């Protein structure tokens, strides 16, 4: 009886969270605010504190396909409306240039890492039927052009939708991060989120070491049940206040600096439906086409090149020797040991950052929010929920890290100290070692759960964010082939013949789409006209 009464009192005291304070705006803060406002449905008061005096980083403008389903569709925001307002374009994948050989080698070396699951025949991906022919010395053509119809769409600069809006291929987006933050700010405020223009000047703690209030530079105090840190690399709440340690990945990922400089598009300029990552002497350069401009930048290792030398190399690449102003940025590469401690949760740069090679920065924010909402606590902030959430977040980030590291360790480049270090001296995890060993043995790596039907859906993506299709695109694109043919294929002549027919069908479909789809620019103009109606 006495135990029963105690339990009842404990349950009664474990009340619901009724207020949330978000520190920091930008794309991260407003994605967090929007998703929480939608999910919690007015059961919580949400306040977001941001200051115009603290600039937005706003470099990451490329995304992965799940953002459509998990952010914009989830918020029920029409695609043509937000894309037109944010000058957004479609992204079918990434074009990797000069990652296997330097530009000076005069050897053509580029490959596409495209979206979507490569089909299977009798449970084996077409990748390994293609590899069988390649290892037998047959003329198989390029891997990406053979197994993705999107490769033909990229070469012809086509949109991934028919003129009536019918989707023909998986896609993500390129967008102006500043404009997306503003758009979501308006959306969230229209649904009850309160924006406070101020800077956090101090943080109050209670006797337990939990945050009990925020002192603002305008003299106000903000109190809440739950505090969310979106303050960027500073980590105001999670690092400075909660003292959660940060684990650097600089041993595995050498790049730690970035240069950014947008360039204007020519009137009516066609739009590439892909990002481009061009390898340079000490890192790589991004090229991200928007409707009104192109985002350009250079991610590099400060241990291998000075900022002045990096800017000269970058300006030469974009043919802007003396025009435009370059922004120089420092990057904190790694993750915190915890994303959630006590009544503080960190998202975005406050929790983690992996270099933007595969456009995973914004993904880590909304994926983290959806994961947190699964473990959403009451006022007790149950330690079991914290531990499970922190475990899943660490898995997500470490998995992204390993996939990015793979791009560097499989390079053939030896033309600079940076690339020699990547090729010969870069340490990497046991998980990545296992992936590379499986590939050498000729077997598929991490096949997707259910083929294309679940491609990049959030339920599957923590465990299968990268699948065999992703690994093979990068490994084969980097001229890294298995040592032998997958043995079972020698016992499957009918399946081999069927796979050959399917590969021919993919190429044929790609050619048909080149002639039937609207150009990327034309479709963006159609969306703009529809949004204006």
Protein backbone atom coordinates (compact mmCIF):
# COMPACT_ATOMS: atom_id res chain seq x y z
CA UNK A 1 0.00 0.00 0.00
CA UNK A 2 2.73 2.45 0.99
CA UNK A 3 4.75 1.58 -2.12
CA UNK A 4 1.63 2.03 -4.21
CA UNK A 5 1.00 5.52 -2.81
CA UNK A 6 4.63 6.49 -3.42
CA UNK A 7 4.41 5.35 -7.03
CA UNK A 8 1.24 7.35 -7.56
CA UNK A 9 2.85 10.48 -6.16
CA UNK A 10 5.91 9.94 -8.40
CA UNK A 11 3.73 9.57 -11.47
CA UNK A 12 1.74 12.65 -10.51
CA UNK A 13 4.93 14.71 -10.13
CA UNK A 14 6.22 13.57 -13.52
CA UNK A 15 4.19 16.21 -15.32
CA UNK A 16 4.33 17.02 -19.01
CA UNK A 17 6.72 19.48 -20.58
CA UNK A 18 4.77 22.66 -21.21
CA UNK A 19 7.46 25.10 -22.35
CA UNK A 20 10.49 24.96 -24.65
CA UNK A 21 13.16 27.62 -25.20
CA UNK A 22 15.35 27.40 -28.31
CA UNK A 23 18.63 29.34 -28.25
CA UNK A 24 19.63 30.30 -31.79
CA UNK A 25 17.78 30.65 -35.06
CA UNK A 26 19.07 30.12 -38.57
CA UNK A 27 18.12 27.04 -40.54
CA UNK A 28 18.74 24.74 -37.58
CA UNK A 29 16.74 26.70 -35.03
CA UNK A 30 13.74 27.23 -37.28
CA UNK A 31 13.66 23.62 -38.50
CA UNK A 32 13.63 22.54 -34.85
CA UNK A 33 10.92 25.07 -33.96
CA UNK A 34 8.76 24.15 -36.96
CA UNK A 35 8.93 20.38 -36.49
CA UNK A 36 8.23 20.65 -32.77
CA UNK A 37 5.36 23.08 -33.28
CA UNK A 38 3.80 20.65 -35.74
CA UNK A 39 4.29 17.54 -33.59
CA UNK A 40 3.43 19.00 -30.19
CA UNK A 41 0.35 20.73 -31.58
CA UNK A 42 0.05 23.67 -29.15
CA UNK A 43 0.63 21.51 -26.06
CA UNK A 44 3.90 23.39 -25.45
CA UNK A 45 4.77 27.07 -25.52
CA UNK A 46 7.80 27.39 -27.80
CA UNK A 47 10.07 30.44 -27.73
CA UNK A 48 13.08 31.00 -29.98
CA UNK A 49 15.78 33.51 -29.09
CA UNK A 50 17.94 34.87 -31.90
CA UNK A 51 19.88 38.03 -32.55
CA UNK A 52 20.59 39.81 -35.81
CA UNK A 53 23.96 40.73 -34.27
CA UNK A 54 24.99 37.07 -34.47
CA UNK A 55 25.35 36.23 -38.15
CA UNK A 56 24.04 33.03 -39.68
CA UNK A 57 26.62 30.64 -41.06
CA UNK A 58 24.40 29.80 -44.04
CA UNK A 59 27.00 27.86 -46.05
CA UNK A 60 25.22 24.53 -46.34
CA UNK A 61 22.79 24.83 -49.22
CA UNK A 62 22.56 21.23 -50.43
CA UNK A 63 20.48 18.44 -48.93
CA UNK A 64 19.56 14.74 -49.16
CA UNK A 65 16.21 13.36 -50.40
CA UNK A 66 14.57 12.71 -47.03
CA UNK A 67 14.21 16.46 -46.42
CA UNK A 68 11.21 16.51 -48.75
CA UNK A 69 9.27 13.94 -46.75
CA UNK A 70 10.54 14.70 -43.25
CA UNK A 71 10.43 18.51 -43.36
CA UNK A 72 8.43 20.14 -46.14
CA UNK A 73 5.81 17.43 -46.71
CA UNK A 74 5.56 16.85 -42.96
CA UNK A 75 4.84 20.57 -42.47
CA UNK A 76 2.43 20.45 -45.44
CA UNK A 77 4.26 23.25 -47.26
CA UNK A 78 3.62 23.23 -51.04
CA UNK A 79 6.82 22.57 -52.95
CA UNK A 80 6.36 25.23 -55.62
CA UNK A 81 5.70 27.89 -52.97
CA UNK A 82 8.73 27.41 -50.75
CA UNK A 83 11.11 26.56 -53.60
CA UNK A 84 10.20 29.73 -55.49
CA UNK A 85 10.47 31.86 -52.34
CA UNK A 86 13.89 30.40 -51.50
CA UNK A 87 15.31 30.27 -55.07
CA UNK A 88 15.64 26.51 -54.65
CA UNK A 89 16.60 23.98 -57.32
CA UNK A 90 16.50 20.19 -57.57
CA UNK A 91 19.40 17.91 -56.77
CA UNK A 92 19.73 14.42 -58.28
CA UNK A 93 23.12 13.75 -56.74
CA UNK A 94 26.73 14.92 -56.63
CA UNK A 95 29.30 15.06 -59.42
CA UNK A 96 32.75 14.21 -58.05
CA UNK A 97 35.53 15.69 -60.18
CA UNK A 98 39.28 14.94 -59.95
CA UNK A 99 38.95 12.66 -56.93
CA UNK A 100 40.86 9.80 -58.51
CA UNK A 101 43.48 11.79 -60.41
CA UNK A 102 44.61 15.42 -60.33
CA UNK A 103 43.50 17.79 -63.07
CA UNK A 104 47.05 17.90 -64.38
CA UNK A 105 46.99 14.17 -65.15
CA UNK A 106 44.80 14.94 -68.21
CA UNK A 107 42.92 11.73 -67.42
CA UNK A 108 39.16 12.14 -67.38
CA UNK A 109 38.02 11.33 -63.88
CA UNK A 110 34.61 12.19 -62.61
CA UNK A 111 31.66 10.19 -61.37
CA UNK A 112 28.14 10.78 -60.12
CA UNK A 113 26.87 9.71 -56.72
CA UNK A 114 23.16 9.67 -57.49
CA UNK A 115 20.05 9.16 -55.38
CA UNK A 116 17.86 6.06 -55.27
CA UNK A 117 18.27 2.35 -54.71
CA UNK A 118 19.78 0.38 -57.58
CA UNK A 119 17.40 -2.52 -58.43
CA UNK A 120 18.08 -6.15 -57.63
CA UNK A 121 17.69 -9.39 -59.56
CA UNK A 122 17.05 -12.46 -57.41
CA UNK A 123 18.08 -10.50 -54.32
CA UNK A 124 21.44 -9.37 -55.70
CA UNK A 125 21.94 -5.72 -56.69
CA UNK A 126 22.57 -4.90 -60.33
CA UNK A 127 25.86 -3.39 -59.13
CA UNK A 128 27.35 -6.84 -58.82
CA UNK A 129 26.07 -8.09 -62.15
CA UNK A 130 27.70 -5.00 -63.67
CA UNK A 131 30.90 -5.74 -61.75
CA UNK A 132 30.87 -9.32 -63.05
CA UNK A 133 30.99 -8.05 -66.62
CA UNK A 134 33.61 -5.45 -65.74
CA UNK A 135 35.91 -7.99 -64.11
CA UNK A 136 35.44 -10.31 -67.09
CA UNK A 137 36.87 -7.56 -69.31
CA UNK A 138 33.63 -6.68 -71.08
CA UNK A 139 32.85 -3.18 -72.33
CA UNK A 140 30.33 -2.05 -69.72
CA UNK A 141 30.51 1.74 -69.97
CA UNK A 142 30.34 4.01 -66.95
CA UNK A 143 28.87 2.63 -63.75
CA UNK A 144 26.60 5.62 -63.09
CA UNK A 145 25.29 5.77 -66.66
CA UNK A 146 24.60 2.02 -66.66
CA UNK A 147 22.65 1.80 -63.41
CA UNK A 148 20.97 5.18 -62.92
CA UNK A 149 18.63 6.79 -65.41
CA UNK A 150 19.31 10.02 -63.49
CA UNK A 151 22.79 10.12 -65.03
CA UNK A 152 21.25 10.88 -68.43
CA UNK A 153 18.99 13.48 -66.82
CA UNK A 154 22.02 15.18 -65.27
CA UNK A 155 23.93 15.31 -68.54
CA UNK A 156 20.92 16.94 -70.24
CA UNK A 157 20.15 19.24 -67.25
CA UNK A 158 16.62 17.89 -66.85
CA UNK A 159 14.21 18.33 -63.95
CA UNK A 160 13.20 15.18 -62.03
CA UNK A 161 9.50 15.82 -62.67
CA UNK A 162 7.21 15.91 -65.67
CA UNK A 163 5.55 19.22 -66.51
CA UNK A 164 2.41 18.08 -64.65
CA UNK A 165 4.44 17.51 -61.47
CA UNK A 166 4.78 13.73 -61.72
CA UNK A 167 8.04 12.62 -60.09
CA UNK A 168 10.24 10.34 -62.19
CA UNK A 169 13.29 10.12 -59.92
CA UNK A 170 14.35 10.68 -56.32
CA UNK A 171 15.65 14.16 -55.60
CA UNK A 172 16.81 16.53 -52.90
CA UNK A 173 17.20 20.30 -53.04
CA UNK A 174 19.69 23.12 -53.29
CA UNK A 175 18.49 26.29 -51.57
CA UNK A 176 19.46 29.62 -50.06
CA UNK A 177 19.81 28.72 -46.38
CA UNK A 178 19.11 32.28 -45.26
CA UNK A 179 15.83 32.37 -47.18
CA UNK A 180 14.76 28.95 -45.91
CA UNK A 181 15.40 30.10 -42.34
CA UNK A 182 13.26 33.19 -42.94
CA UNK A 183 10.51 31.12 -44.60
CA UNK A 184 10.33 28.64 -41.73
CA UNK A 185 10.50 31.48 -39.21
CA UNK A 186 7.33 32.96 -40.71
CA UNK A 187 5.71 29.51 -40.87
CA UNK A 188 6.50 28.70 -37.24
CA UNK A 189 5.49 32.10 -35.89
CA UNK A 190 2.19 31.72 -37.71
CA UNK A 191 1.62 28.57 -35.65
CA UNK A 192 2.36 30.01 -32.25
CA UNK A 193 6.15 29.99 -31.90
CA UNK A 194 7.30 33.20 -30.21
CA UNK A 195 10.44 34.84 -31.58
CA UNK A 196 12.52 36.94 -29.17
CA UNK A 197 15.09 39.31 -30.68
CA UNK A 198 17.90 39.23 -28.12
CA UNK A 199 21.21 37.68 -27.14
CA UNK A 200 21.61 35.31 -24.21
CA UNK A 201 23.83 37.11 -21.70
CA UNK A 202 23.73 34.53 -18.92
CA UNK A 203 22.46 31.08 -17.99
CA UNK A 204 21.00 30.24 -14.57
CA UNK A 205 21.31 26.77 -13.04
CA UNK A 206 19.35 25.16 -10.22
CA UNK A 207 20.75 23.01 -7.42
CA UNK A 208 20.73 19.92 -9.68
CA UNK A 209 22.81 21.64 -12.36
CA UNK A 210 19.82 21.93 -14.71
CA UNK A 211 19.14 25.13 -16.61
CA UNK A 212 16.52 27.18 -14.76
CA UNK A 213 16.52 30.36 -16.84
CA UNK A 214 18.16 32.49 -19.51
CA UNK A 215 19.20 36.09 -18.89
CA UNK A 216 18.87 38.19 -22.05
CA UNK A 217 20.81 41.30 -22.99
CA UNK A 218 17.57 43.30 -23.08
CA UNK A 219 17.00 42.67 -19.37
CA UNK A 220 14.36 39.98 -19.81
CA UNK A 221 14.48 36.46 -18.38
CA UNK A 222 13.22 33.38 -20.22
CA UNK A 223 12.32 30.23 -18.31
CA UNK A 224 11.25 26.87 -19.74
CA UNK A 225 11.02 23.19 -18.94
CA UNK A 226 13.26 22.16 -21.85
CA UNK A 227 16.12 24.12 -23.42
CA UNK A 228 17.38 23.47 -26.94
CA UNK A 229 20.85 24.58 -28.02
CA UNK A 230 21.03 25.78 -31.63
CA UNK A 231 23.78 28.31 -30.92
CA UNK A 232 26.18 26.88 -33.50
CA UNK A 233 29.80 25.86 -32.97
CA UNK A 234 29.84 27.78 -29.66
CA UNK A 235 27.55 25.28 -27.95
CA UNK A 236 26.40 27.87 -25.40
CA UNK A 237 24.22 25.50 -23.40
CA UNK A 238 25.57 22.03 -24.17
CA UNK A 239 29.31 22.80 -24.00
CA UNK A 240 29.81 26.08 -22.14
CA UNK A 241 27.08 25.53 -19.54
CA UNK A 242 26.57 21.75 -19.27
CA UNK A 243 30.29 21.08 -19.86
CA UNK A 244 29.58 18.18 -22.22
CA UNK A 245 32.92 17.30 -23.87
CA UNK A 246 33.40 17.54 -27.63
CA UNK A 247 35.03 14.68 -29.53
CA UNK A 248 37.07 15.94 -32.49
CA UNK A 249 37.22 13.97 -35.73
CA UNK A 250 40.27 15.85 -37.01
CA UNK A 251 42.34 12.67 -36.88
CA UNK A 252 40.01 11.09 -39.45
CA UNK A 253 38.90 14.17 -41.41
CA UNK A 254 41.69 16.64 -42.13
CA UNK A 255 39.69 19.58 -43.46
CA UNK A 256 38.96 22.26 -40.85
CA UNK A 257 38.52 25.51 -42.79
CA UNK A 258 36.24 26.80 -45.53
CA UNK A 259 36.07 29.67 -47.98
CA UNK A 260 32.69 30.71 -49.37
CA UNK A 261 31.85 33.09 -52.21
CA UNK A 262 28.62 33.09 -54.24
CA UNK A 263 28.58 34.15 -57.88
CA UNK A 264 25.66 35.54 -59.88
CA UNK A 265 24.03 33.49 -62.62
CA UNK A 266 23.72 34.78 -66.15
CA UNK A 267 20.14 35.68 -67.19
CA UNK A 268 18.33 32.52 -68.31
CA UNK A 269 21.35 30.37 -67.46
CA UNK A 270 20.59 26.65 -67.50
CA UNK A 271 20.71 24.92 -64.14
CA UNK A 272 22.58 21.73 -63.40
CA UNK A 273 20.39 19.37 -61.32
CA UNK A 274 23.34 18.28 -59.20
CA UNK A 275 26.03 19.60 -56.88
CA UNK A 276 29.68 19.40 -57.90
CA UNK A 277 32.57 18.53 -55.58
CA UNK A 278 35.92 19.22 -57.27
CA UNK A 279 39.04 17.94 -55.52
CA UNK A 280 41.80 20.55 -55.10
CA UNK A 281 45.29 20.40 -53.61
CA UNK A 282 44.26 20.42 -49.93
CA UNK A 283 40.57 19.57 -49.96
CA UNK A 284 37.68 20.15 -52.34
CA UNK A 285 35.47 22.86 -53.78
CA UNK A 286 31.68 22.90 -53.85
CA UNK A 287 29.47 24.27 -56.62
CA UNK A 288 25.75 24.51 -55.83
CA UNK A 289 23.39 25.98 -58.47
CA UNK A 290 20.43 28.06 -57.24
CA UNK A 291 17.89 29.85 -59.40
CA UNK A 292 19.52 33.27 -58.94
CA UNK A 293 23.12 32.49 -58.09
CA UNK A 294 25.68 29.74 -57.59
CA UNK A 295 27.14 28.84 -54.22
CA UNK A 296 30.88 28.22 -54.36
CA UNK A 297 33.40 27.33 -51.71
CA UNK A 298 36.61 25.53 -50.79
CA UNK A 299 36.81 23.15 -47.82
CA UNK A 300 40.48 22.65 -46.95
CA UNK A 301 43.02 21.53 -44.37
CA UNK A 302 44.83 24.40 -42.66
CA UNK A 303 47.68 22.00 -41.87
CA UNK A 304 48.39 21.64 -45.60
CA UNK A 305 47.72 25.08 -47.06
CA UNK A 306 47.51 28.66 -45.77
CA UNK A 307 44.31 30.68 -46.01
CA UNK A 308 45.91 33.02 -48.56
CA UNK A 309 47.10 30.13 -50.72
CA UNK A 310 43.70 28.47 -50.47
CA UNK A 311 41.93 31.63 -51.58
CA UNK A 312 44.23 31.99 -54.59
CA UNK A 313 43.60 28.38 -55.62
CA UNK A 314 39.86 28.79 -55.14
CA UNK A 315 39.65 32.05 -57.09
CA UNK A 316 41.53 30.45 -59.97
CA UNK A 317 39.00 27.60 -60.05
CA UNK A 318 35.94 29.91 -60.18
CA UNK A 319 37.71 32.38 -62.50
CA UNK A 320 37.27 35.28 -60.09
CA UNK A 321 40.87 36.47 -59.57
CA UNK A 322 39.99 39.81 -58.00
CA UNK A 323 36.19 40.13 -57.84
CA UNK A 324 33.87 39.20 -55.01
CA UNK A 325 34.56 38.88 -51.30
CA UNK A 326 35.53 35.55 -49.78
CA UNK A 327 34.25 34.56 -46.34
CA UNK A 328 36.76 32.55 -44.34
CA UNK A 329 35.27 30.08 -41.84
CA UNK A 330 36.62 27.77 -39.16
CA UNK A 331 34.89 24.43 -38.70
CA UNK A 332 34.57 22.28 -35.59
CA UNK A 333 34.59 18.73 -36.97
CA UNK A 334 33.21 16.05 -34.67
CA UNK A 335 30.40 15.59 -32.16
CA UNK A 336 29.63 16.00 -28.49
CA UNK A 337 29.73 12.93 -26.26
CA UNK A 338 26.03 13.62 -25.64
CA UNK A 339 23.33 15.46 -27.53
CA UNK A 340 21.00 15.45 -24.49
CA UNK A 341 21.91 15.96 -20.86
CA UNK A 342 19.62 17.04 -18.02
CA UNK A 343 17.07 19.43 -19.57
CA UNK A 344 19.30 20.55 -22.48
CA UNK A 345 19.30 19.08 -26.00
CA UNK A 346 21.64 20.21 -28.80
CA UNK A 347 20.98 20.11 -32.53
CA UNK A 348 22.88 21.24 -35.61
CA UNK A 349 26.37 22.67 -35.18
CA UNK A 350 25.91 22.78 -31.41
CA UNK A 351 25.94 18.99 -31.43
CA UNK A 352 27.94 17.90 -34.46
CA UNK A 353 29.43 18.83 -37.78
CA UNK A 354 30.84 16.62 -40.50
CA UNK A 355 32.30 18.38 -43.51
CA UNK A 356 29.60 19.06 -46.14
CA UNK A 357 30.89 16.62 -48.78
CA UNK A 358 27.67 14.56 -48.84
CA UNK A 359 25.29 17.37 -47.76
CA UNK A 360 24.41 15.78 -44.41
CA UNK A 361 24.49 18.89 -42.19
CA UNK A 362 20.81 19.81 -42.37
CA UNK A 363 19.87 16.13 -42.36
CA UNK A 364 21.49 15.65 -38.94
CA UNK A 365 19.21 18.38 -37.58
CA UNK A 366 15.80 17.16 -38.74
CA UNK A 367 16.71 13.50 -38.28
CA UNK A 368 17.79 14.35 -34.74
CA UNK A 369 14.55 16.21 -34.01
CA UNK A 370 12.39 13.32 -35.25
CA UNK A 371 14.48 10.93 -33.16
CA UNK A 372 14.12 13.14 -30.09
CA UNK A 373 10.36 13.33 -30.52
CA UNK A 374 10.27 9.54 -30.35
CA UNK A 375 11.94 9.73 -26.95
CA UNK A 376 10.18 12.92 -25.88
CA UNK A 377 10.29 13.05 -22.07
CA UNK A 378 8.23 14.40 -19.22
CA UNK A 379 9.66 16.72 -16.58
CA UNK A 380 11.79 13.93 -15.07
CA UNK A 381 13.99 13.81 -18.21
CA UNK A 382 14.27 10.04 -17.80
CA UNK A 383 17.89 8.86 -18.01
CA UNK A 384 16.89 5.79 -20.00
CA UNK A 385 15.43 8.00 -22.72
CA UNK A 386 18.53 10.19 -22.69
CA UNK A 387 20.87 7.22 -23.06
CA UNK A 388 18.94 5.69 -25.95
CA UNK A 389 18.66 9.00 -27.79
CA UNK A 390 22.35 9.76 -27.31
CA UNK A 391 23.25 6.28 -28.54
CA UNK A 392 21.20 6.69 -31.74
CA UNK A 393 22.57 10.16 -32.43
CA UNK A 394 26.17 9.02 -31.99
CA UNK A 395 25.53 6.10 -34.34
CA UNK A 396 24.12 8.46 -36.97
CA UNK A 397 27.07 10.85 -36.84
CA UNK A 398 29.76 8.17 -36.72
CA UNK A 399 28.16 6.42 -39.69
CA UNK A 400 28.23 9.65 -41.69
CA UNK A 401 31.85 10.22 -40.66
CA UNK A 402 32.91 6.78 -41.88
CA UNK A 403 31.24 7.24 -45.26
CA UNK A 404 32.91 10.62 -45.75
CA UNK A 405 36.31 9.25 -44.70
CA UNK A 406 35.93 6.52 -47.33
CA UNK A 407 36.04 9.12 -50.12
CA UNK A 408 39.55 10.07 -49.03
CA UNK A 409 41.13 6.72 -48.19
CA UNK A 410 40.24 5.19 -51.58
CA UNK A 411 41.84 7.99 -53.60
CA UNK A 412 44.60 7.34 -56.11
CA UNK A 413 45.92 10.89 -55.80
CA UNK A 414 49.47 11.45 -54.55
CA UNK A 415 50.12 14.91 -56.01
CA UNK A 416 50.14 16.83 -52.70
CA UNK A 417 50.95 16.18 -49.05
CA UNK A 418 47.23 16.34 -48.27
CA UNK A 419 46.33 13.54 -50.68
CA UNK A 420 49.33 11.42 -49.73
CA UNK A 421 48.25 11.63 -46.10
CA UNK A 422 44.71 10.64 -47.06
CA UNK A 423 45.86 7.69 -49.11
CA UNK A 424 48.49 6.26 -46.78
CA UNK A 425 48.12 7.62 -43.25
CA UNK A 426 44.47 8.37 -42.54
CA UNK A 427 43.11 6.23 -39.68
CA UNK A 428 39.57 4.92 -39.97
CA UNK A 429 37.11 2.85 -37.99
CA UNK A 430 36.67 -0.90 -37.81
CA UNK A 431 33.24 -0.46 -39.39
CA UNK A 432 34.77 1.11 -42.48
CA UNK A 433 37.46 -1.56 -42.58
CA UNK A 434 34.72 -4.18 -42.67
CA UNK A 435 32.98 -2.38 -45.54
CA UNK A 436 36.19 -2.27 -47.58
CA UNK A 437 36.95 -5.93 -46.88
CA UNK A 438 33.48 -6.99 -47.99
CA UNK A 439 33.90 -4.98 -51.17
CA UNK A 440 37.27 -6.58 -51.90
CA UNK A 441 35.62 -9.98 -51.48
CA UNK A 442 33.05 -9.10 -54.12
CA UNK A 443 29.86 -9.10 -52.04
CA UNK A 444 27.27 -6.32 -51.60
CA UNK A 445 27.61 -3.93 -48.67
CA UNK A 446 24.60 -3.02 -46.53
CA UNK A 447 21.75 -3.76 -48.88
CA UNK A 448 18.65 -1.65 -48.31
CA UNK A 449 15.79 -3.09 -46.29
CA UNK A 450 13.10 -3.07 -48.96
CA UNK A 451 14.56 -1.72 -52.15
CA UNK A 452 13.40 1.57 -53.55
CA UNK A 453 10.08 1.64 -51.67
CA UNK A 454 11.76 2.66 -48.39
CA UNK A 455 14.56 4.65 -49.97
CA UNK A 456 15.74 7.37 -47.58
CA UNK A 457 12.67 7.16 -45.38
CA UNK A 458 13.51 8.17 -41.86
CA UNK A 459 12.41 4.88 -40.31
CA UNK A 460 15.13 3.07 -42.23
CA UNK A 461 17.80 5.70 -42.67
CA UNK A 462 19.56 5.55 -39.29
CA UNK A 463 20.53 1.93 -39.93
CA UNK A 464 20.63 2.11 -43.71
CA UNK A 465 21.28 5.76 -44.47
CA UNK A 466 24.11 4.56 -46.71
CA UNK A 467 23.36 1.38 -48.61
CA UNK A 468 25.12 -0.75 -51.20
CA UNK A 469 24.08 1.75 -53.89
CA UNK A 470 25.93 4.57 -52.11
CA UNK A 471 29.04 2.56 -51.33
CA UNK A 472 29.34 1.17 -54.85
CA UNK A 473 28.84 4.60 -56.43
CA UNK A 474 31.83 5.99 -54.53
CA UNK A 475 34.06 2.92 -54.58
CA UNK A 476 33.58 2.10 -58.25
CA UNK A 477 33.65 5.78 -59.14
CA UNK A 478 37.05 5.88 -57.43
CA UNK A 479 38.27 2.92 -59.51
CA UNK A 480 38.20 0.55 -56.54
CA UNK A 481 36.99 -2.84 -57.75
CA UNK A 482 36.58 -6.20 -55.99
CA UNK A 483 39.35 -8.73 -56.31
CA UNK A 484 36.94 -11.32 -57.68
CA UNK A 485 33.47 -11.81 -59.07
CA UNK A 486 30.71 -12.56 -56.57
CA UNK A 487 30.98 -16.39 -56.64
CA UNK A 488 27.26 -17.20 -56.54
CA UNK A 489 26.70 -15.38 -59.83
CA UNK A 490 28.56 -18.15 -61.64
CA UNK A 491 25.67 -20.43 -60.65
CA UNK A 492 22.92 -18.04 -61.81
CA UNK A 493 23.03 -17.80 -65.64
CA UNK A 494 19.33 -16.92 -65.97
CA UNK A 495 19.65 -14.13 -63.41
CA UNK A 496 22.75 -12.82 -65.19
CA UNK A 497 20.82 -12.68 -68.46
CA UNK A 498 17.88 -10.93 -66.78
CA UNK A 499 20.23 -8.40 -65.20
CA UNK A 500 21.72 -7.62 -68.61
CA UNK A 501 18.26 -6.88 -69.96
CA UNK A 502 17.47 -4.68 -66.97
CA UNK A 503 20.67 -2.65 -67.36
CA UNK A 504 19.82 -2.04 -71.02
CA UNK A 505 16.32 -0.96 -69.96
CA UNK A 506 17.75 1.58 -67.49
CA UNK A 507 19.91 3.11 -70.22
CA UNK A 508 16.94 3.24 -72.59
CA UNK A 509 14.74 4.88 -69.94
CA UNK A 510 17.41 7.49 -69.32
CA UNK A 511 17.55 8.40 -73.00
CA UNK A 512 13.76 8.67 -73.17
CA UNK A 513 13.67 10.98 -70.16
CA UNK A 514 16.30 13.23 -71.72
CA UNK A 515 13.91 14.00 -74.55
CA UNK A 516 10.62 14.09 -72.61
CA UNK A 517 11.42 15.95 -69.40
CA UNK A 518 11.47 19.74 -69.12
CA UNK A 519 14.79 21.40 -68.54
CA UNK A 520 15.65 22.19 -64.95
CA UNK A 521 15.35 25.93 -65.62
CA UNK A 522 12.01 25.52 -67.40
CA UNK A 523 10.51 23.60 -64.50
CA UNK A 524 11.74 26.14 -61.95
CA UNK A 525 10.07 28.86 -64.02
CA UNK A 526 6.83 26.81 -64.08
CA UNK A 527 6.91 26.53 -60.29
CA UNK A 528 7.47 30.26 -59.93
CA UNK A 529 4.49 30.98 -62.19
CA UNK A 530 2.29 28.53 -60.24
CA UNK A 531 3.33 30.03 -56.91
CA UNK A 532 2.43 33.52 -58.16
CA UNK A 533 -1.12 32.49 -59.16
